[in-house]
N, C-alpha and C. Protein backbone atom coordinates (compact mmCIF):
# COMPACT_ATOMS: atom_id res chain seq x y z
N MET A 1 118.99 108.09 75.50
CA MET A 1 120.30 108.23 74.57
C MET A 1 120.51 109.61 74.93
N GLN A 2 121.47 110.46 75.37
CA GLN A 2 121.81 111.31 75.56
C GLN A 2 122.38 112.00 74.21
N VAL A 3 122.13 113.21 73.91
CA VAL A 3 122.92 113.32 72.58
C VAL A 3 123.95 115.08 73.15
N PRO A 4 124.96 114.78 73.43
CA PRO A 4 126.20 115.43 73.71
C PRO A 4 125.36 117.03 73.29
N GLY A 5 125.19 118.32 73.99
CA GLY A 5 124.76 119.22 73.70
C GLY A 5 123.50 119.72 72.90
N ALA A 6 122.53 118.66 73.17
CA ALA A 6 121.35 118.59 72.66
C ALA A 6 120.41 120.06 73.89
N ALA A 7 120.46 120.42 75.35
CA ALA A 7 119.77 120.82 75.75
C ALA A 7 120.59 122.05 75.32
N GLU A 8 121.71 122.28 75.47
CA GLU A 8 121.96 123.91 75.47
C GLU A 8 121.61 124.53 73.50
N ALA A 9 121.37 123.46 73.32
CA ALA A 9 121.09 123.99 71.27
C ALA A 9 119.70 123.91 71.59
N SER A 10 118.51 123.41 72.49
CA SER A 10 116.99 123.37 72.06
C SER A 10 116.31 124.88 73.41
N ILE A 11 117.47 125.29 73.53
CA ILE A 11 116.90 126.44 74.52
C ILE A 11 117.30 128.02 73.68
N ARG A 12 115.93 128.63 73.62
CA ARG A 12 115.84 129.86 73.00
C ARG A 12 116.45 130.91 72.72
N ASN A 13 117.03 131.95 72.65
CA ASN A 13 117.18 133.42 72.85
C ASN A 13 115.93 134.30 72.55
N LEU A 14 115.15 134.33 73.63
CA LEU A 14 113.92 134.99 73.05
C LEU A 14 114.45 136.78 73.27
N PRO A 15 113.71 137.22 72.56
CA PRO A 15 113.50 138.55 71.97
C PRO A 15 113.19 139.53 73.35
N ARG A 16 113.19 140.75 74.21
CA ARG A 16 112.47 141.14 75.42
C ARG A 16 111.42 141.55 75.00
N SER A 17 110.71 141.81 74.08
CA SER A 17 108.87 141.97 73.75
C SER A 17 108.81 140.28 74.18
N ALA A 18 109.42 139.09 73.65
CA ALA A 18 108.76 138.25 74.30
C ALA A 18 108.54 137.95 76.03
N ILE A 19 109.00 139.06 76.62
CA ILE A 19 108.84 138.42 77.78
C ILE A 19 108.36 139.83 78.27
N GLY A 20 107.38 140.67 77.83
CA GLY A 20 106.93 142.04 78.16
C GLY A 20 107.27 142.95 78.07
N ASP A 21 109.17 143.05 77.93
CA ASP A 21 109.19 144.26 77.37
C ASP A 21 110.02 144.73 76.24
N PRO A 22 108.29 145.74 76.00
CA PRO A 22 108.45 146.06 73.99
C PRO A 22 109.51 147.46 73.89
N SER A 23 110.31 147.33 74.36
CA SER A 23 111.42 148.58 74.41
C SER A 23 112.20 148.17 72.89
N ASN A 24 112.80 147.14 72.85
CA ASN A 24 113.25 146.60 71.76
C ASN A 24 112.20 146.68 70.34
N LEU A 25 111.03 146.45 69.97
CA LEU A 25 110.08 146.03 69.29
C LEU A 25 110.46 147.59 68.01
N ASP A 26 110.78 147.19 66.84
CA ASP A 26 110.45 148.82 66.15
C ASP A 26 109.32 147.96 65.40
N ALA A 27 107.84 148.80 65.38
CA ALA A 27 107.23 148.68 65.12
C ALA A 27 106.60 148.49 63.29
N MET A 28 107.34 149.75 63.40
CA MET A 28 107.06 150.75 62.49
C MET A 28 107.61 149.89 61.33
N GLY A 29 109.16 149.41 61.52
CA GLY A 29 109.71 148.47 60.56
C GLY A 29 109.31 147.02 60.14
N LEU A 30 108.44 146.52 61.44
CA LEU A 30 108.09 145.27 61.38
C LEU A 30 106.28 145.63 60.37
N LEU A 31 106.21 146.32 60.40
CA LEU A 31 104.61 146.68 59.59
C LEU A 31 105.63 146.96 57.95
N ALA A 32 106.59 147.38 57.84
CA ALA A 32 106.64 147.78 56.75
C ALA A 32 107.64 146.91 55.84
N ALA A 33 107.95 145.76 56.70
CA ALA A 33 108.65 144.69 56.17
C ALA A 33 107.83 143.65 56.22
N ASN A 34 106.44 143.38 56.59
CA ASN A 34 105.34 142.66 56.16
C ASN A 34 103.89 142.99 55.96
N LYS A 35 103.94 144.42 55.65
CA LYS A 35 102.75 144.70 55.04
C LYS A 35 101.97 143.74 53.87
N GLY A 36 100.86 143.68 54.33
CA GLY A 36 100.35 142.54 53.56
C GLY A 36 100.39 141.12 53.30
N LEU A 37 101.65 140.43 54.10
CA LEU A 37 101.48 139.32 54.06
C LEU A 37 100.94 138.42 55.23
N PRO A 38 100.84 137.11 55.23
CA PRO A 38 100.30 136.56 55.99
C PRO A 38 101.44 135.90 57.13
N MET A 39 100.97 136.19 58.53
CA MET A 39 102.27 136.10 59.08
C MET A 39 101.99 134.82 60.40
N GLU A 40 102.23 133.97 60.94
CA GLU A 40 101.96 132.92 62.09
C GLU A 40 102.55 133.49 63.49
N ALA A 41 101.63 133.34 63.99
CA ALA A 41 101.50 133.64 65.52
C ALA A 41 100.70 132.69 66.16
N ILE A 42 101.25 133.21 68.10
CA ILE A 42 100.03 132.54 68.52
C ILE A 42 99.79 132.95 69.42
N VAL A 43 98.11 132.66 69.41
CA VAL A 43 97.26 134.16 69.90
C VAL A 43 97.61 133.64 71.48
N GLU A 44 98.68 134.37 72.79
CA GLU A 44 98.04 134.29 73.92
C GLU A 44 96.96 134.58 74.63
N GLN A 45 96.36 135.56 74.35
CA GLN A 45 95.30 136.35 74.80
C GLN A 45 94.70 137.28 74.14
N ILE A 46 92.79 136.76 74.50
CA ILE A 46 92.07 138.00 73.87
C ILE A 46 91.85 138.73 75.15
N ARG A 47 92.00 139.94 74.95
CA ARG A 47 91.62 140.89 76.31
C ARG A 47 89.95 141.11 75.87
N ASP A 48 89.63 141.70 74.68
CA ASP A 48 88.30 142.01 74.66
C ASP A 48 88.20 141.71 73.28
N GLY A 49 86.77 142.22 72.75
CA GLY A 49 86.60 141.89 71.40
C GLY A 49 87.66 142.57 70.82
N SER A 50 88.48 143.04 70.86
CA SER A 50 89.32 144.27 70.11
C SER A 50 90.91 144.01 70.10
N THR A 51 91.38 143.40 70.93
CA THR A 51 92.57 143.05 71.15
C THR A 51 93.20 142.34 71.50
N LEU A 52 94.30 142.09 70.75
CA LEU A 52 94.73 140.13 70.94
C LEU A 52 96.39 140.50 71.70
N ARG A 53 96.87 139.64 72.12
CA ARG A 53 98.41 139.80 72.23
C ARG A 53 98.23 138.06 71.32
N ILE A 54 99.75 138.28 71.18
CA ILE A 54 99.68 137.72 70.43
C ILE A 54 101.33 137.62 70.29
N TYR A 55 102.29 136.43 70.06
CA TYR A 55 103.80 136.11 69.46
C TYR A 55 103.79 135.87 68.32
N LEU A 56 104.54 136.40 67.47
CA LEU A 56 105.02 136.25 65.69
C LEU A 56 105.81 135.10 65.57
N LEU A 57 105.56 134.16 65.12
CA LEU A 57 107.24 133.67 64.73
C LEU A 57 106.72 133.11 63.42
N PRO A 58 108.82 132.81 63.24
CA PRO A 58 109.52 132.13 64.07
C PRO A 58 110.21 133.53 65.38
N GLN A 59 110.38 134.21 64.95
CA GLN A 59 111.11 135.06 65.78
C GLN A 59 110.88 135.38 67.77
N PHE A 60 109.56 134.80 67.92
CA PHE A 60 108.81 135.12 69.09
C PHE A 60 108.00 136.15 69.67
N GLN A 61 108.10 137.47 68.92
CA GLN A 61 107.85 138.62 68.89
C GLN A 61 106.80 139.05 69.38
N PHE A 62 106.58 139.81 70.52
CA PHE A 62 105.34 140.49 71.30
C PHE A 62 104.63 141.24 71.11
N VAL A 63 103.42 141.37 70.57
CA VAL A 63 102.58 142.27 70.17
C VAL A 63 101.22 142.38 70.85
N GLN A 64 101.05 143.86 70.84
CA GLN A 64 99.83 143.55 70.69
C GLN A 64 98.91 144.09 69.51
N VAL A 65 97.60 143.62 69.32
CA VAL A 65 97.10 144.46 67.71
C VAL A 65 95.69 145.02 68.51
N PHE A 66 95.04 145.80 67.97
CA PHE A 66 94.44 146.22 68.74
C PHE A 66 93.62 146.57 66.55
N VAL A 67 92.04 145.59 66.99
CA VAL A 67 90.94 146.19 65.92
C VAL A 67 90.21 147.06 65.52
N ALA A 68 90.15 148.04 64.51
CA ALA A 68 88.70 148.74 64.53
C ALA A 68 87.97 148.22 63.75
N GLY A 69 86.63 148.93 64.11
CA GLY A 69 85.66 148.53 63.12
C GLY A 69 85.19 146.71 64.23
N ILE A 70 85.15 146.65 65.37
CA ILE A 70 84.65 145.70 66.03
C ILE A 70 83.56 146.04 66.80
N GLN A 71 82.29 145.14 66.89
CA GLN A 71 81.51 145.53 67.62
C GLN A 71 81.18 144.18 68.53
N VAL A 72 81.03 144.05 69.76
CA VAL A 72 81.35 142.76 70.87
C VAL A 72 80.21 143.01 71.58
N ARG A 73 79.35 141.52 71.46
CA ARG A 73 77.82 142.27 72.79
C ARG A 73 78.73 140.90 74.04
N VAL A 74 78.82 140.90 74.87
CA VAL A 74 79.25 140.23 75.84
C VAL A 74 77.94 139.56 77.13
N LYS A 75 77.34 138.01 76.65
CA LYS A 75 76.56 137.53 77.94
C LYS A 75 77.01 137.36 79.03
N PHE A 76 76.70 137.35 79.36
CA PHE A 76 76.97 136.27 81.56
C PHE A 76 76.63 135.30 81.75
N TYR A 77 77.05 134.44 81.97
CA TYR A 77 75.97 133.17 81.71
C TYR A 77 76.41 132.42 83.49
N CYS A 78 75.83 132.77 84.84
CA CYS A 78 76.16 132.50 85.66
C CYS A 78 75.68 131.19 86.48
């Protein structure tokens, strides 16, 4: 059964940062508004041991998180 307008209502209007353009992301404002609060996110990529690329939910803001004080040992298996 098709509901009129259901397809249009299901389309998300993502911010430019969600598709790789960080020009509209106010990082300092985001930090000030959420400092100390838990945030839901989807981890898209773990680039290395201390760099994560994530989507913050529910706005789908795309950010990179750099974690200090991390030491990673990499083992390669062939």
